[in-house]
Protein backbone atom coordinates (compact mmCIF):
# COMPACT_ATOMS: atom_id res chain seq x y z
CA MET A 1 39.73 68.80 142.87
CA ALA A 2 43.44 69.32 142.13
CA GLN A 3 44.34 70.03 138.57
CA THR A 4 47.25 68.35 136.84
CA LEU A 5 49.69 70.77 135.31
CA ASN A 6 51.04 69.87 131.90
CA ARG A 7 54.78 70.47 131.76
CA GLY A 8 57.01 70.28 128.78
CA PRO A 9 59.98 67.96 128.59
CA VAL A 10 62.71 68.68 131.09
CA SER A 11 66.03 69.57 129.51
CA GLY A 12 68.91 67.29 130.35
CA THR A 13 71.15 70.32 130.88
CA ALA A 14 68.92 72.01 133.41
CA GLY A 15 71.05 70.87 136.32
CA THR A 16 74.40 71.43 134.63
CA PRO A 17 76.44 74.04 136.48
CA PRO A 18 77.59 77.01 134.39
CA SER A 19 81.03 76.65 132.89
CA LYS A 20 83.83 78.52 134.62
CA LYS A 21 84.49 81.88 133.04
CA LYS A 22 87.87 82.22 131.36
CA PRO A 23 90.24 85.01 132.44
CA PHE A 24 89.71 88.12 130.34
CA LEU A 25 93.08 87.99 128.56
CA VAL A 26 92.68 84.31 127.67
CA ASP A 27 89.15 84.90 126.44
CA PHE A 28 90.24 87.96 124.45
CA TYR A 29 93.15 86.07 122.87
CA SER A 30 90.77 83.35 121.70
CA THR A 31 89.19 85.87 119.31
CA ALA A 32 90.61 87.00 115.98
CA VAL A 33 90.78 90.59 117.24
CA GLY A 34 92.76 89.49 120.30
CA LYS A 35 95.22 87.56 118.17
CA LYS A 36 95.71 90.59 115.92
CA TYR A 37 96.44 92.75 118.95
CA VAL A 38 98.99 90.19 120.18
CA MET A 39 100.55 90.10 116.71
CA ALA A 40 100.85 93.89 116.73
CA ILE A 41 102.18 94.25 120.29
CA THR A 42 104.74 91.44 119.94
CA GLY A 43 105.66 92.90 116.56
CA ILE A 44 106.41 96.26 118.19
CA ILE A 45 108.58 94.48 120.78
CA GLY A 46 110.39 92.68 117.96
CA ILE A 47 110.95 95.89 115.99
CA GLY A 48 112.30 97.63 119.10
CA PHE A 49 114.71 94.78 119.76
CA VAL A 50 115.92 94.63 116.15
CA VAL A 51 116.62 98.38 116.09
CA VAL A 52 118.51 98.35 119.41
CA HIS A 53 120.40 95.20 118.42
CA MET A 54 121.46 96.79 115.12
CA ILE A 55 122.67 99.94 116.88
CA GLY A 56 124.73 97.80 119.24
CA ASN A 57 126.23 95.80 116.36
CA LEU A 58 127.20 99.00 114.54
CA LYS A 59 129.62 99.69 117.39
CA ALA A 60 131.90 97.25 115.57
CA TYR A 61 132.77 100.18 113.27
CA LEU A 62 134.18 102.14 116.23
CA GLY A 63 136.99 99.59 116.57
CA VAL A 64 139.42 99.98 119.46
CA ILE A 65 138.95 102.61 122.14
CA THR A 66 141.17 103.54 125.08
CA GLU A 67 139.69 103.05 128.53
CA GLY A 68 142.14 104.07 131.23
CA ASP A 69 145.35 102.16 130.57
CA GLU A 70 143.64 99.53 128.45
CA ARG A 71 142.73 99.32 124.79
CA VAL A 72 139.53 97.39 124.09
CA TYR A 73 137.04 97.00 121.28
CA ASP A 74 134.06 99.26 121.81
CA ILE A 75 131.53 96.53 120.99
CA ASP A 76 133.05 94.36 123.73
CA ILE A 77 132.48 97.17 126.23
CA TYR A 78 128.87 97.35 125.03
CA GLY A 79 128.45 93.60 125.58
CA GLU A 80 129.78 93.91 129.11
CA PHE A 81 127.45 96.85 129.75
CA LEU A 82 124.47 94.64 128.87
CA ARG A 83 125.62 91.94 131.26
CA GLU A 84 126.08 94.52 134.04
CA LEU A 85 122.61 96.10 133.73
CA LEU A 86 121.28 97.21 137.18
CA VAL A 87 124.28 95.71 139.03
CA PRO A 88 124.51 95.74 142.08
CA ILE A 89 120.75 96.14 142.52
CA MET A 90 120.35 92.88 140.59
CA PRO A 91 122.87 90.05 140.18
CA ARG A 92 125.02 90.11 137.05
CA THR A 93 123.25 89.06 133.80
CA TYR A 94 119.84 88.73 135.54
CA VAL A 95 118.33 91.77 133.78
CA LEU A 96 119.82 90.68 130.46
CA TRP A 97 118.27 87.24 130.82
CA GLY A 98 114.98 88.83 131.84
CA LEU A 99 114.98 90.84 128.62
CA ARG A 100 115.84 87.70 126.67
CA LEU A 101 112.92 85.81 128.23
CA VAL A 102 110.53 88.64 127.36
CA LEU A 103 111.80 88.55 123.78
CA ILE A 104 111.48 84.75 123.57
CA ALA A 105 107.91 84.94 124.91
CA ALA A 106 107.09 87.68 122.37
CA VAL A 107 108.48 85.59 119.50
CA LEU A 108 106.54 82.48 120.57
CA LEU A 109 103.30 84.44 120.98
CA HIS A 110 103.86 86.11 117.61
CA ILE A 111 104.30 82.75 115.90
CA HIS A 112 101.31 81.19 117.66
CA ALA A 113 99.04 84.15 116.90
CA ALA A 114 100.11 84.14 113.24
CA TYR A 115 99.43 80.42 112.92
CA SER A 116 96.09 80.66 114.72
CA LEU A 117 94.95 83.54 112.52
CA THR A 118 95.91 81.57 109.42
CA VAL A 119 93.78 78.64 110.61
CA LEU A 120 90.83 80.92 111.43
CA ASN A 121 91.06 82.66 108.06
CA ARG A 122 91.12 79.36 106.19
CA LYS A 123 88.04 78.12 108.05
CA ALA A 124 86.20 81.38 107.43
CA ARG A 125 87.28 81.62 103.78
CA PRO A 126 87.96 78.19 102.24
CA VAL A 127 88.08 79.77 98.76
CA LYS A 128 90.90 82.26 98.21
CA TYR A 129 90.25 85.77 96.98
CA GLN A 130 90.01 85.84 93.20
CA SER A 131 91.34 89.40 92.87
CA PRO A 132 93.97 91.47 94.71
CA ARG A 133 92.73 93.34 97.77
CA ASP A 134 93.04 97.06 97.18
CA TYR A 135 94.04 97.88 100.75
CA GLN A 136 97.28 95.91 100.54
CA VAL A 137 100.24 98.22 100.18
CA ALA A 138 102.55 95.53 98.80
CA ASN A 139 101.29 92.18 97.54
CA PHE A 140 104.73 90.58 97.44
CA ALA A 141 105.53 91.43 101.05
CA SER A 142 102.12 90.27 102.28
CA ARG A 143 102.19 87.01 100.31
CA THR A 144 105.64 86.10 101.60
CA MET A 145 105.05 86.95 105.28
CA ARG A 146 104.80 83.28 106.22
CA TRP A 147 108.02 82.33 104.46
CA THR A 148 110.03 85.34 105.56
CA GLY A 149 108.81 84.65 109.10
CA ILE A 150 110.07 81.06 108.91
CA ILE A 151 113.42 82.22 107.49
CA VAL A 152 113.82 84.79 110.25
CA ALA A 153 112.88 82.26 112.97
CA LEU A 154 115.45 79.74 111.68
CA PHE A 155 118.03 82.51 111.35
CA ILE A 156 117.51 83.53 114.99
CA LEU A 157 118.38 79.99 116.07
CA TRP A 158 121.49 80.02 113.87
CA HIS A 159 122.49 83.48 115.12
CA LEU A 160 122.27 82.31 118.73
CA ALA A 161 124.28 79.17 118.00
CA ASP A 162 126.85 81.23 116.12
CA LEU A 163 127.46 84.37 118.18
CA THR A 164 125.80 83.76 121.57
CA TRP A 165 126.44 80.10 122.39
CA GLY A 166 129.32 79.55 119.97
CA TRP A 167 128.21 76.10 118.84
CA ALA A 168 128.40 77.05 115.14
CA ASN A 169 131.57 79.13 115.44
CA PRO A 170 134.76 77.06 115.83
CA ASP A 171 136.80 80.16 116.79
CA PHE A 172 134.29 81.39 119.37
CA VAL A 173 135.68 83.08 122.50
CA ARG A 174 133.11 83.84 125.18
CA GLY A 175 132.70 87.57 125.71
CA ALA A 176 134.88 88.65 122.75
CA ALA A 177 132.13 90.05 120.54
CA TYR A 178 134.40 91.75 117.99
CA ARG A 179 136.60 88.68 117.58
CA ASN A 180 133.58 86.37 117.24
CA LEU A 181 131.95 88.68 114.69
CA ASP A 182 135.06 88.66 112.52
CA ALA A 183 135.59 84.91 112.91
CA SER A 184 132.01 84.15 111.91
CA LEU A 185 131.45 86.54 109.02
CA SER A 186 134.86 85.92 107.49
CA ARG A 187 133.34 82.65 106.27
CA ILE A 188 131.77 83.53 102.93
CA PRO A 189 128.80 81.07 103.17
CA VAL A 190 127.95 82.44 106.63
CA ALA A 191 128.21 86.04 105.42
CA ILE A 192 125.86 85.22 102.52
CA LEU A 193 123.45 83.57 104.98
CA TYR A 194 123.39 86.73 107.12
CA ILE A 195 122.78 88.93 104.07
CA VAL A 196 119.91 86.79 102.74
CA ALA A 197 118.34 86.43 106.20
CA ASN A 198 118.42 90.19 106.78
CA ILE A 199 116.80 90.88 103.42
CA ALA A 200 114.03 88.46 104.44
CA LEU A 201 113.84 90.28 107.79
CA GLY A 202 113.47 93.60 105.96
CA ILE A 203 110.59 92.29 103.84
CA HIS A 204 108.91 90.91 106.96
CA LEU A 205 109.40 94.18 108.85
CA PHE A 206 108.06 96.23 105.95
CA HIS A 207 104.70 94.52 105.83
CA GLY A 208 104.61 93.97 109.60
CA THR A 209 105.15 97.68 110.32
CA TRP A 210 102.48 98.57 107.76
CA SER A 211 99.87 96.09 109.00
CA LEU A 212 100.31 96.58 112.77
CA PHE A 213 98.48 99.92 112.53
CA GLN A 214 95.51 98.13 111.00
CA SER A 215 95.67 95.38 113.64
CA MET A 216 95.57 97.98 116.42
CA GLY A 217 92.66 99.85 114.80
CA TRP A 218 94.79 102.87 113.90
CA SER A 219 94.26 102.53 110.15
CA SER A 220 93.04 105.48 108.12
CA PRO A 221 93.44 106.30 104.41
CA ARG A 222 94.65 109.76 105.44
CA PHE A 223 97.71 108.26 107.13
CA ASN A 224 98.57 105.58 104.56
CA LYS A 225 101.37 107.72 103.11
CA TRP A 226 102.97 108.08 106.54
CA ARG A 227 102.45 104.39 107.32
CA ARG A 228 104.17 103.43 104.11
CA GLY A 229 107.02 105.86 104.78
CA LEU A 230 107.53 104.46 108.28
CA ALA A 231 107.43 100.86 107.00
CA VAL A 232 109.94 101.61 104.24
CA GLY A 233 112.17 103.56 106.63
CA VAL A 234 112.28 100.85 109.32
CA ALA A 235 112.91 98.05 106.83
CA THR A 236 115.59 100.00 104.92
CA ILE A 237 117.51 101.11 108.02
CA ILE A 238 117.56 97.58 109.44
CA VAL A 239 118.60 95.91 106.18
CA VAL A 240 121.30 98.46 105.32
CA GLY A 241 122.69 98.53 108.86
CA ASN A 242 122.78 94.77 109.36
CA VAL A 243 123.93 93.83 105.85
CA SER A 244 126.75 96.38 106.00
CA ILE A 245 128.47 94.37 108.75
CA PRO A 246 129.13 91.09 106.85
CA VAL A 247 130.11 93.19 103.81
CA ALA A 248 132.55 95.19 105.96
CA VAL A 249 134.05 92.01 107.40
CA LEU A 250 134.57 90.48 103.95
CA ALA A 251 136.11 93.77 102.74
CA GLY A 252 138.51 93.87 105.70
CA VAL A 253 137.03 97.05 107.19
CA ILE A 254 136.12 95.08 110.32
CA GLU A 255 139.03 92.79 111.18
CA PHE A 256 140.15 91.47 114.53
CA ASP A 257 143.73 92.30 115.54
CA PRO A 258 144.87 90.62 118.78
CA ASP A 259 147.77 93.09 119.08
CA ALA A 260 145.40 96.07 119.06
CA VAL A 261 143.91 95.33 122.48
CA THR A 262 145.32 94.74 125.94
CA HIS A 263 142.66 92.26 126.98
CA GLU A 264 139.36 90.71 125.90
CA GLU A 265 136.22 90.96 127.97
CA ALA A 266 135.10 87.79 129.69
CA ALA A 267 131.45 86.85 129.86
CA GLU A 268 129.36 84.43 131.80
């Protein structure tokens, strides 16, 4: 005689197909560790860009140089060099725009990762710390990261409208970097804006440079002195270099003279 087998209740999900596995990078980014890595990597890209951009801007101090039979501003030659990168292998300005797109993507990822980490931290810790955390090298810099980040992001948009697109610069001439720099920063409110924004950038870079080592898992008490020195050095060099330019323009050290050059570079 056949026996009846007693079976437990059948789960309603027994026939549900397994969910599709996410790509590794997407899955990794969904974690707090992944977001911290993205913050660090995009931060390194941002620091590299800021340093190179500052070095290029400092060419304004070189003034006019002689190239063949022509006299041109050195910073205008630098601008044309950027537009001619890898020509004729690549069409003109293609490499420059490629670098710009990489930078834009890095900025957007940096902002998204920062926001996502803030949300995750608030969910994990609804009650704020009641005492300062001893591993923080600078409480002021860490507490103001959000606000300095917002200031820097807004400043980037203004900077593009002012000296790249020319929308905010009534005397803008495409391709004439030295002339545009002088025309923009000769306006006292604009010069003050650049100074304040670069101080905010320095504060952001200080804590960002310090914390990226921790985000990448390279943190060690033995190296804290060197981390602090690097953070202070990067922030100081950027602030001093960038702030010196609007100060020099207001002081007349950097001043456009149309009679000093034989032509102005044209840009696309």
